[in-house]
Amino acid sequence: MNKIIILLTIIIILIDLYSYKGIAVTFPKLMAGNKIFLLIYFGISAFFIVALLRVSRFNFFERKPEIFAGFYLLAGVFLLIYLPKLIFIAFHLCEDIFHLIAKAITVVVNLADSDHRHLTRMHFLSVTGLIIAIIPFFALLYGMTLGRFNYRVEKTRLEFPELPAGFNGLKIVHISDLHLGSLYNKKEKLARAVDIINNQNPDLILFTGDLVNNFSEEAVGWEKLFDQLNARYGKYSVLGNHDYGDYWHWANEEEQHANMDLLADLYKRMGFRLLLNEAVTITNKDDSIVILGVENWGKPPFRQSGDLKKALSSVNGTSFKILLSHDPSHWKAEVTDSTSIQLTLSGHTHAGQFGLRLNGYSWSPSKYLYKQWNGLYRDDQQYLYVNRGLGYIGFPGRVGMAPEISVLELYRTAAQDANQLQPE
């Protein structure tokens, strides 16, 4: 850890010195004798160096959510400050290279008159770099302040010929990826999401995993808030890859098993029925549908604890089925070609927490990792919906990919209803 801290400190110093030099060369009149800017600029540098020294004293093997929430915040502020500097440096470095080349040519060819013309023109690169660097600064600033709690309700209507008449118009609220370890001391923010969900008057609330980041203690104290979620037919959930504690250093297997027992108890206290490779039937008078839930199934390096065959073992093949599976990779791997599951709900991708959504077009780096990464997908008569998640991990914000509350309304196809209304 100490070697990493020393390396990061050296990198910070080099970035700050070179970017300051670039600003001073580009705007010499503005920077001449400007002690206030100098104090603020290197004061921020000193803050990060001190912060890194404090981080080096953290016990990252201590199960305290506030440690990791604070670390994520520090990492976000670091990215906010230093990503724009790196962009500016890239342009200024090009300017320096051109400057050196022009100077070398001047010396060799002895074209002294052209020297000033070349150097003046080259400042265009640094100014351009500075302007471009402003864009990610404000984008990241928005994502860390307003964007991460800018909850969006995404409504989708789906039609199925197999949907029983008793469930025509079924309203599902689908949420995913709360990552409560990142939301330490932010209960009032998620309380607003709970109100939004309840205002949808859902028949079902379905949660597709990643309640925590590293360990179950991150969810302690949130029970009363999530117990306030209400749905006509109940609340159901599955585990995500983070819920197992696989990213934590456990003293032994018994300690990790105890962590999982605590998580199961927390789900229960929140009012969720945790489905572990199993199915539950929901009835309305003479009609029924099946909710399937599997443990995490993802492509390596993610664990594949999900057992879809086990979950389906007690289910009638003609039943209308909704599957909860955290990782959308599972849909193509085991669902579409092998089962008659009509609707699968997933999360996991966060839609990268960064991207662009404009007039029906969506882009995120996440699309290069997952073929199904955001929103609705269809394969013949089978559907997958990938939720962007309510929380965040790593970068403490969201840029362009707002936290999502999915509302899916299920209807019987109009053609089938019309046929049933015709006299015999």
Protein backbone atom coordinates (compact mmCIF):
# COMPACT_ATOMS: atom_id res chain seq x y z
CA MET A 1 0.00 0.00 0.00
CA ASN A 2 2.79 2.48 0.91
CA LYS A 3 4.48 1.97 -2.47
CA ILE A 4 1.20 2.70 -4.24
CA ILE A 5 0.68 5.86 -2.18
CA ILE A 6 4.22 7.07 -2.99
CA LEU A 7 3.69 6.37 -6.70
CA LEU A 8 0.34 8.20 -6.74
CA THR A 9 1.90 11.14 -4.90
CA ILE A 10 4.67 11.42 -7.50
CA ILE A 11 2.10 11.20 -10.33
CA ILE A 12 -0.01 13.95 -8.73
CA ILE A 13 3.00 16.24 -8.37
CA LEU A 14 4.13 15.67 -11.98
CA ILE A 15 0.63 16.24 -13.39
CA ASP A 16 0.17 19.42 -11.37
CA LEU A 17 3.56 20.87 -12.23
CA TYR A 18 3.23 20.20 -15.95
CA SER A 19 -0.36 21.40 -16.23
CA TYR A 20 0.51 24.55 -14.26
CA LYS A 21 3.42 25.16 -16.58
CA GLY A 22 1.05 24.78 -19.54
CA ILE A 23 -1.40 27.32 -18.13
CA ALA A 24 1.39 29.76 -17.29
CA VAL A 25 2.87 29.54 -20.80
CA THR A 26 -0.51 29.83 -22.51
CA PHE A 27 -1.76 32.77 -20.40
CA PRO A 28 1.42 34.57 -19.25
CA LYS A 29 -0.23 37.94 -18.59
CA LEU A 30 -3.05 36.42 -16.55
CA MET A 31 -0.70 34.25 -14.50
CA ALA A 32 2.00 36.86 -13.87
CA GLY A 33 2.04 37.51 -10.11
CA ASN A 34 -1.30 35.76 -9.58
CA LYS A 35 -0.63 34.43 -6.08
CA ILE A 36 -4.28 33.60 -5.38
CA PHE A 37 -4.48 31.16 -8.29
CA LEU A 38 -1.13 29.69 -7.29
CA LEU A 39 -2.32 29.16 -3.73
CA ILE A 40 -5.61 27.55 -4.77
CA TYR A 41 -4.03 25.41 -7.46
CA PHE A 42 -1.32 23.87 -5.32
CA GLY A 43 -3.57 23.91 -2.25
CA ILE A 44 -5.78 21.35 -4.05
CA SER A 45 -2.67 19.31 -4.82
CA ALA A 46 -1.66 19.38 -1.17
CA PHE A 47 -5.18 18.29 -0.17
CA PHE A 48 -4.96 15.17 -2.32
CA ILE A 49 -1.51 14.29 -1.08
CA VAL A 50 -2.67 14.61 2.54
CA ALA A 51 -5.81 12.62 1.70
CA LEU A 52 -3.68 9.83 0.20
CA LEU A 53 -1.55 9.74 3.35
CA ARG A 54 -4.71 9.39 5.43
CA VAL A 55 -6.02 6.65 3.14
CA SER A 56 -2.77 4.75 3.66
CA ARG A 57 -3.67 4.56 7.36
CA PHE A 58 -7.14 3.12 6.74
CA ASN A 59 -7.71 -0.46 7.73
CA PHE A 60 -9.35 -1.75 4.57
CA PHE A 61 -9.92 -5.08 6.29
CA GLU A 62 -12.23 -3.47 8.82
CA ARG A 63 -15.91 -3.92 7.96
CA LYS A 64 -17.02 -0.30 8.22
CA PRO A 65 -19.20 1.06 5.37
CA GLU A 66 -18.11 4.64 6.03
CA ILE A 67 -14.50 3.80 5.11
CA PHE A 68 -15.40 2.65 1.62
CA ALA A 69 -18.04 5.33 1.04
CA GLY A 70 -15.41 7.94 1.90
CA PHE A 71 -12.85 6.26 -0.33
CA TYR A 72 -15.26 6.24 -3.31
CA LEU A 73 -15.99 9.93 -2.75
CA LEU A 74 -12.28 10.74 -2.67
CA ALA A 75 -11.75 8.72 -5.86
CA GLY A 76 -14.58 10.63 -7.54
CA VAL A 77 -13.18 14.04 -6.59
CA PHE A 78 -9.74 12.90 -7.77
CA LEU A 79 -11.22 11.95 -11.15
CA LEU A 80 -13.09 15.27 -11.28
CA ILE A 81 -9.89 17.27 -10.83
CA TYR A 82 -7.30 15.19 -12.65
CA LEU A 83 -9.13 13.86 -15.71
CA PRO A 84 -9.50 17.42 -17.11
CA LYS A 85 -5.83 18.06 -16.29
CA LEU A 86 -4.78 14.95 -18.19
CA ILE A 87 -6.80 16.07 -21.20
CA PHE A 88 -5.19 19.51 -21.09
CA ILE A 89 -1.74 17.95 -20.67
CA ALA A 90 -2.24 15.80 -23.77
CA PHE A 91 -2.87 18.90 -25.90
CA HIS A 92 -0.14 20.94 -24.25
CA LEU A 93 2.34 18.11 -24.74
CA CYS A 94 1.59 18.14 -28.46
CA GLU A 95 2.19 21.89 -28.44
CA ASP A 96 5.53 21.42 -26.70
CA ILE A 97 6.56 18.78 -29.22
CA PHE A 98 5.67 21.06 -32.15
CA HIS A 99 7.48 23.90 -30.39
CA LEU A 100 10.65 21.83 -30.05
CA ILE A 101 10.45 20.70 -33.66
CA ALA A 102 9.93 24.28 -34.86
CA LYS A 103 12.82 25.50 -32.71
CA ALA A 104 15.08 22.75 -34.02
CA ILE A 105 14.22 23.67 -37.61
CA THR A 106 14.85 27.31 -36.83
CA VAL A 107 18.28 26.54 -35.43
CA VAL A 108 19.21 24.25 -38.31
CA VAL A 109 17.84 26.36 -41.14
CA ASN A 110 18.42 29.68 -39.35
CA LEU A 111 14.93 30.97 -40.09
CA ALA A 112 14.72 33.27 -37.12
CA ASP A 113 11.86 35.32 -38.56
CA SER A 114 9.49 32.35 -38.55
CA ASP A 115 10.12 31.46 -34.93
CA HIS A 116 7.56 33.83 -33.41
CA ARG A 117 4.93 32.89 -35.98
CA HIS A 118 5.24 29.18 -35.17
CA LEU A 119 5.13 29.59 -31.40
CA THR A 120 2.12 31.89 -31.45
CA ARG A 121 0.14 29.55 -33.67
CA MET A 122 0.92 26.55 -31.47
CA HIS A 123 -0.86 28.07 -28.45
CA PHE A 124 -4.06 27.12 -30.22
CA LEU A 125 -3.52 23.53 -29.08
CA SER A 126 -3.30 24.39 -25.38
CA VAL A 127 -6.34 26.67 -25.54
CA THR A 128 -8.29 23.94 -27.35
CA GLY A 129 -7.22 21.39 -24.74
CA LEU A 130 -8.33 23.68 -21.92
CA ILE A 131 -11.75 24.22 -23.51
CA ILE A 132 -12.24 20.48 -24.11
CA ALA A 133 -11.13 19.69 -20.53
CA ILE A 134 -13.94 21.83 -19.16
CA ILE A 135 -16.55 19.43 -20.61
CA PRO A 136 -15.69 16.34 -18.49
CA PHE A 137 -15.20 18.55 -15.45
CA PHE A 138 -18.78 19.82 -15.48
CA ALA A 139 -20.15 16.46 -16.60
CA LEU A 140 -18.48 14.65 -13.70
CA LEU A 141 -19.45 17.44 -11.29
CA TYR A 142 -23.10 17.06 -12.31
CA GLY A 143 -22.90 13.28 -12.05
CA MET A 144 -21.51 13.43 -8.51
CA THR A 145 -23.95 16.04 -7.22
CA LEU A 146 -27.30 15.81 -9.00
CA GLY A 147 -26.92 12.93 -11.45
CA ARG A 148 -26.50 10.10 -8.96
CA PHE A 149 -29.87 10.82 -7.34
CA ASN A 150 -31.78 11.93 -10.43
CA TYR A 151 -34.13 8.95 -10.36
CA ARG A 152 -35.89 8.23 -13.63
CA VAL A 153 -39.06 6.18 -14.04
CA GLU A 154 -38.85 4.20 -17.28
CA LYS A 155 -42.23 2.80 -18.35
CA THR A 156 -42.56 -0.13 -20.73
CA ARG A 157 -45.68 -1.91 -22.00
CA LEU A 158 -45.37 -5.58 -22.98
CA GLU A 159 -47.94 -7.93 -24.50
CA PHE A 160 -47.99 -11.70 -24.20
CA PRO A 161 -50.50 -14.21 -25.57
CA GLU A 162 -49.77 -16.55 -22.63
CA LEU A 163 -50.48 -14.03 -19.87
CA PRO A 164 -53.46 -15.24 -17.78
CA ALA A 165 -56.53 -13.00 -17.86
CA GLY A 166 -56.35 -12.52 -14.10
CA PHE A 167 -53.02 -10.76 -14.51
CA ASN A 168 -53.90 -8.58 -17.47
CA GLY A 169 -52.46 -5.14 -16.72
CA LEU A 170 -49.99 -6.50 -14.14
CA LYS A 171 -47.72 -3.65 -13.03
CA ILE A 172 -44.17 -4.58 -12.05
CA VAL A 173 -41.64 -2.22 -10.53
CA HIS A 174 -38.16 -3.55 -11.24
CA ILE A 175 -35.16 -2.18 -9.33
CA SER A 176 -31.57 -3.35 -9.14
CA ASP A 177 -28.05 -2.68 -7.87
CA LEU A 178 -28.63 -0.60 -4.76
CA HIS A 179 -25.00 -0.94 -3.59
CA LEU A 180 -25.82 0.39 -0.14
CA GLY A 181 -22.15 0.44 0.80
CA SER A 182 -21.72 3.41 -1.52
CA LEU A 183 -24.71 5.23 -0.02
CA TYR A 184 -23.55 5.52 3.57
CA ASN A 185 -25.49 8.28 5.38
CA LYS A 186 -27.69 8.94 2.30
CA LYS A 187 -30.99 7.48 3.56
CA GLU A 188 -32.95 10.64 2.77
CA LYS A 189 -31.93 10.32 -0.88
CA LEU A 190 -33.17 6.75 -1.20
CA ALA A 191 -36.30 7.60 0.79
CA ARG A 192 -37.35 9.67 -2.22
CA ALA A 193 -36.87 6.62 -4.46
CA VAL A 194 -39.05 4.57 -2.10
CA ASP A 195 -41.80 7.21 -2.37
CA ILE A 196 -41.54 7.19 -6.17
CA ILE A 197 -41.85 3.40 -6.24
CA ASN A 198 -44.87 3.33 -3.94
CA ASN A 199 -46.53 6.06 -5.98
CA GLN A 200 -46.53 3.68 -8.97
CA ASN A 201 -48.97 1.43 -7.05
CA PRO A 202 -47.11 -1.72 -8.14
CA ASP A 203 -48.55 -5.21 -8.11
CA LEU A 204 -45.04 -6.66 -7.80
CA ILE A 205 -41.69 -5.24 -6.74
CA LEU A 206 -38.78 -7.25 -8.11
CA PHE A 207 -35.16 -6.60 -7.13
CA THR A 208 -32.38 -8.19 -9.17
CA GLY A 209 -29.47 -8.11 -6.77
CA ASP A 210 -26.35 -6.31 -5.52
CA LEU A 211 -27.82 -4.99 -2.32
CA VAL A 212 -24.30 -4.37 -0.96
CA ASN A 213 -20.73 -3.88 -2.21
CA ASN A 214 -18.53 -6.06 -0.02
CA PHE A 215 -20.19 -7.23 3.19
CA SER A 216 -23.67 -7.46 4.68
CA GLU A 217 -23.12 -4.84 7.40
CA GLU A 218 -23.47 -2.24 4.65
CA ALA A 219 -27.22 -2.95 4.61
CA VAL A 220 -27.71 -2.79 8.38
CA GLY A 221 -29.92 0.16 9.31
CA TRP A 222 -31.74 0.25 5.97
CA GLU A 223 -34.39 -2.33 6.94
CA LYS A 224 -37.15 0.06 7.98
CA LEU A 225 -36.81 2.17 4.85
CA PHE A 226 -37.16 -0.72 2.39
CA ASP A 227 -39.83 -2.40 4.46
CA GLN A 228 -41.98 0.61 3.52
CA LEU A 229 -42.08 -0.61 -0.10
CA ASN A 230 -45.55 -1.98 -0.81
CA ALA A 231 -46.81 -4.24 -3.60
CA ARG A 232 -50.08 -6.15 -4.00
CA TYR A 233 -48.46 -9.53 -4.65
CA GLY A 234 -45.30 -8.96 -2.65
CA LYS A 235 -41.59 -8.23 -3.09
CA TYR A 236 -39.05 -10.70 -4.46
CA SER A 237 -35.29 -10.56 -4.89
CA VAL A 238 -32.20 -12.48 -5.97
CA LEU A 239 -28.49 -12.20 -5.25
CA GLY A 240 -26.01 -10.27 -7.35
CA ASN A 241 -22.30 -10.94 -7.67
CA HIS A 242 -21.44 -8.42 -4.93
CA ASP A 243 -23.85 -9.94 -2.41
CA TYR A 244 -21.71 -13.04 -1.81
CA GLY A 245 -18.80 -11.14 -0.30
CA ASP A 246 -16.44 -12.52 -2.93
CA TYR A 247 -14.56 -9.19 -3.05
CA TRP A 248 -13.75 -9.25 0.65
CA HIS A 249 -10.92 -11.00 2.48
CA TRP A 250 -12.56 -13.43 4.92
CA ALA A 251 -10.70 -15.14 7.71
CA ASN A 252 -12.37 -18.45 6.85
CA GLU A 253 -15.39 -19.97 5.07
CA GLU A 254 -17.47 -19.91 8.26
CA GLU A 255 -17.10 -16.12 8.45
CA GLN A 256 -18.28 -15.73 4.85
CA HIS A 257 -21.23 -18.07 5.48
CA ALA A 258 -22.19 -15.97 8.51
CA ASN A 259 -22.06 -12.91 6.26
CA MET A 260 -24.52 -14.58 3.86
CA ASP A 261 -26.81 -15.57 6.73
CA LEU A 262 -26.91 -11.93 7.84
CA LEU A 263 -27.74 -10.81 4.30
CA ALA A 264 -30.63 -13.29 4.06
CA ASP A 265 -31.95 -12.01 7.39
CA LEU A 266 -31.69 -8.41 6.20
CA TYR A 267 -33.67 -9.21 3.04
CA LYS A 268 -36.35 -10.76 5.24
CA ARG A 269 -36.48 -7.71 7.50
CA MET A 270 -36.83 -5.52 4.41
CA GLY A 271 -39.88 -7.55 3.42
CA PHE A 272 -38.30 -9.28 0.40
CA ARG A 273 -38.61 -12.97 -0.36
CA LEU A 274 -35.12 -14.01 -1.45
CA LEU A 275 -35.26 -16.60 -4.23
CA LEU A 276 -32.31 -18.98 -4.34
CA ASN A 277 -32.69 -21.14 -7.45
CA GLU A 278 -36.38 -21.55 -6.74
CA ALA A 279 -39.83 -20.60 -7.93
CA VAL A 280 -42.91 -19.14 -6.30
CA THR A 281 -46.42 -19.16 -7.70
CA ILE A 282 -48.64 -16.10 -7.45
CA THR A 283 -52.36 -16.60 -7.80
CA ASN A 284 -55.32 -14.37 -8.52
CA LYS A 285 -58.55 -16.32 -8.24
CA ASP A 286 -58.19 -19.16 -10.76
CA ASP A 287 -55.15 -17.75 -12.57
CA SER A 288 -51.46 -17.93 -11.68
CA ILE A 289 -48.02 -16.85 -12.79
CA VAL A 290 -44.58 -18.02 -11.67
CA ILE A 291 -41.70 -15.90 -10.37
CA LEU A 292 -38.35 -17.63 -10.80
CA GLY A 293 -35.20 -16.50 -9.03
CA VAL A 294 -31.68 -17.80 -9.56
CA GLU A 295 -28.43 -17.04 -7.84
CA ASN A 296 -25.83 -15.07 -9.72
CA TRP A 297 -24.90 -16.51 -13.11
CA GLY A 298 -22.32 -14.56 -15.05
CA LYS A 299 -19.51 -15.12 -17.48
CA PRO A 300 -16.08 -15.60 -15.84
CA PRO A 301 -14.68 -14.10 -13.70
CA PHE A 302 -18.15 -13.79 -12.16
CA ARG A 303 -19.53 -16.75 -10.26
CA GLN A 304 -22.05 -19.15 -11.79
CA SER A 305 -24.09 -20.25 -8.81
CA GLY A 306 -27.37 -19.90 -10.68
CA ASP A 307 -29.20 -23.20 -11.26
CA LEU A 308 -32.05 -22.52 -13.68
CA LYS A 309 -32.93 -26.20 -14.07
CA LYS A 310 -33.44 -26.48 -10.32
CA ALA A 311 -35.62 -23.38 -10.28
CA LEU A 312 -37.74 -24.79 -13.14
CA SER A 313 -37.96 -28.32 -11.75
CA SER A 314 -41.31 -27.80 -10.03
CA VAL A 315 -42.83 -25.47 -12.62
CA ASN A 316 -45.49 -26.40 -15.16
CA GLY A 317 -44.09 -25.81 -18.63
CA THR A 318 -47.20 -23.92 -19.74
CA SER A 319 -47.08 -21.42 -16.88
CA PHE A 320 -46.38 -17.78 -17.54
CA LYS A 321 -42.90 -17.24 -16.10
CA ILE A 322 -40.88 -14.22 -15.00
CA LEU A 323 -37.20 -14.85 -14.25
CA LEU A 324 -35.00 -12.75 -11.97
CA SER A 325 -31.32 -13.18 -12.89
CA HIS A 326 -28.80 -10.53 -11.93
CA ASP A 327 -26.44 -10.76 -14.90
CA PRO A 328 -28.00 -10.24 -18.39
CA SER A 329 -25.40 -12.60 -19.90
CA HIS A 330 -27.49 -15.42 -18.47
CA TRP A 331 -30.39 -14.69 -20.85
CA LYS A 332 -28.65 -15.73 -24.06
CA ALA A 333 -26.55 -18.40 -22.36
CA GLU A 334 -29.36 -20.44 -20.79
CA VAL A 335 -32.77 -18.85 -21.25
CA THR A 336 -33.66 -18.05 -24.86
CA ASP A 337 -32.87 -21.34 -26.57
CA SER A 338 -33.61 -23.71 -23.71
CA THR A 339 -36.71 -22.47 -21.91
CA SER A 340 -40.13 -20.96 -22.47
CA ILE A 341 -39.55 -18.15 -19.95
CA GLN A 342 -41.41 -15.15 -21.32
CA LEU A 343 -39.76 -12.33 -19.37
CA THR A 344 -36.32 -12.05 -17.75
CA LEU A 345 -35.27 -9.14 -15.54
CA SER A 346 -31.62 -8.28 -14.92
CA GLY A 347 -29.30 -5.49 -13.76
CA HIS A 348 -25.55 -5.66 -13.12
CA THR A 349 -24.28 -3.40 -15.92
CA HIS A 350 -25.25 -0.03 -14.35
CA ALA A 351 -25.21 1.04 -18.03
CA GLY A 352 -21.63 1.94 -17.21
CA GLN A 353 -22.84 4.84 -15.00
CA PHE A 354 -21.68 6.95 -17.93
CA GLY A 355 -23.07 7.39 -21.41
CA LEU A 356 -25.49 9.17 -23.69
CA ARG A 357 -29.23 8.78 -24.21
CA LEU A 358 -30.73 10.99 -26.90
CA ASN A 359 -33.91 10.56 -28.96
CA GLY A 360 -33.98 6.81 -28.57
CA TYR A 361 -30.24 6.38 -29.11
CA SER A 362 -28.15 5.02 -26.25
CA TRP A 363 -24.41 4.67 -25.95
CA SER A 364 -22.14 3.64 -23.10
CA PRO A 365 -18.81 1.86 -22.76
CA SER A 366 -20.88 -0.88 -21.16
CA LYS A 367 -22.17 -1.92 -24.60
CA TYR A 368 -18.70 -3.23 -25.47
CA LEU A 369 -18.79 -5.59 -22.48
CA TYR A 370 -22.40 -6.75 -22.66
CA LYS A 371 -24.58 -7.36 -25.70
CA GLN A 372 -27.61 -6.63 -23.54
CA TRP A 373 -26.73 -3.73 -21.26
CA ASN A 374 -29.66 -1.32 -20.97
CA GLY A 375 -33.40 -1.44 -21.51
CA LEU A 376 -35.56 -3.89 -23.44
CA TYR A 377 -34.40 -6.76 -25.67
CA ARG A 378 -36.41 -9.35 -27.58
CA ASP A 379 -35.68 -12.78 -29.02
CA ASP A 380 -38.76 -14.08 -30.80
CA GLN A 381 -41.42 -14.15 -28.04
CA GLN A 382 -38.97 -13.87 -25.13
CA TYR A 383 -38.05 -10.55 -23.53
CA LEU A 384 -35.21 -9.28 -21.38
CA TYR A 385 -35.22 -6.01 -19.48
CA VAL A 386 -31.91 -4.69 -18.12
CA ASN A 387 -32.25 -2.10 -15.35
CA ARG A 388 -29.54 0.58 -14.98
CA GLY A 389 -29.63 0.29 -11.18
CA LEU A 390 -30.52 2.69 -8.38
CA GLY A 391 -27.09 2.92 -6.79
CA TYR A 392 -23.50 3.19 -7.93
CA ILE A 393 -20.09 1.76 -7.13
CA GLY A 394 -16.56 3.02 -7.74
CA PHE A 395 -17.23 6.43 -9.27
CA PRO A 396 -19.77 8.07 -6.91
CA GLY A 397 -21.99 9.46 -9.62
CA ARG A 398 -23.86 8.97 -12.86
CA VAL A 399 -23.32 10.87 -16.09
CA GLY A 400 -25.97 10.45 -18.78
CA MET A 401 -27.21 7.14 -17.34
CA ALA A 402 -29.57 8.12 -14.57
CA PRO A 403 -30.55 5.74 -11.76
CA GLU A 404 -33.60 3.81 -12.90
CA ILE A 405 -36.94 2.68 -11.58
CA SER A 406 -38.43 0.41 -14.24
CA VAL A 407 -42.19 0.11 -14.50
CA LEU A 408 -43.30 -2.77 -16.72
CA GLU A 409 -47.00 -3.22 -17.48
CA LEU A 410 -47.97 -6.64 -18.81
CA TYR A 411 -51.03 -7.21 -20.99
CA ARG A 412 -52.59 -10.06 -22.90
CA THR A 413 -52.27 -9.57 -26.63
CA ALA A 414 -55.25 -7.78 -28.13
CA ALA A 415 -55.76 -10.51 -30.74
CA GLN A 416 -56.22 -13.23 -28.13
CA ASP A 417 -58.62 -11.14 -26.07
CA ALA A 418 -60.65 -10.32 -29.16
CA ASN A 419 -60.91 -14.01 -30.08
CA GLN A 420 -62.13 -14.91 -26.63
CA LEU A 421 -64.86 -12.29 -26.84
CA GLN A 422 -66.25 -13.76 -30.06
CA PRO A 423 -69.41 -15.94 -29.61
CA GLU A 424 -68.98 -19.66 -30.06
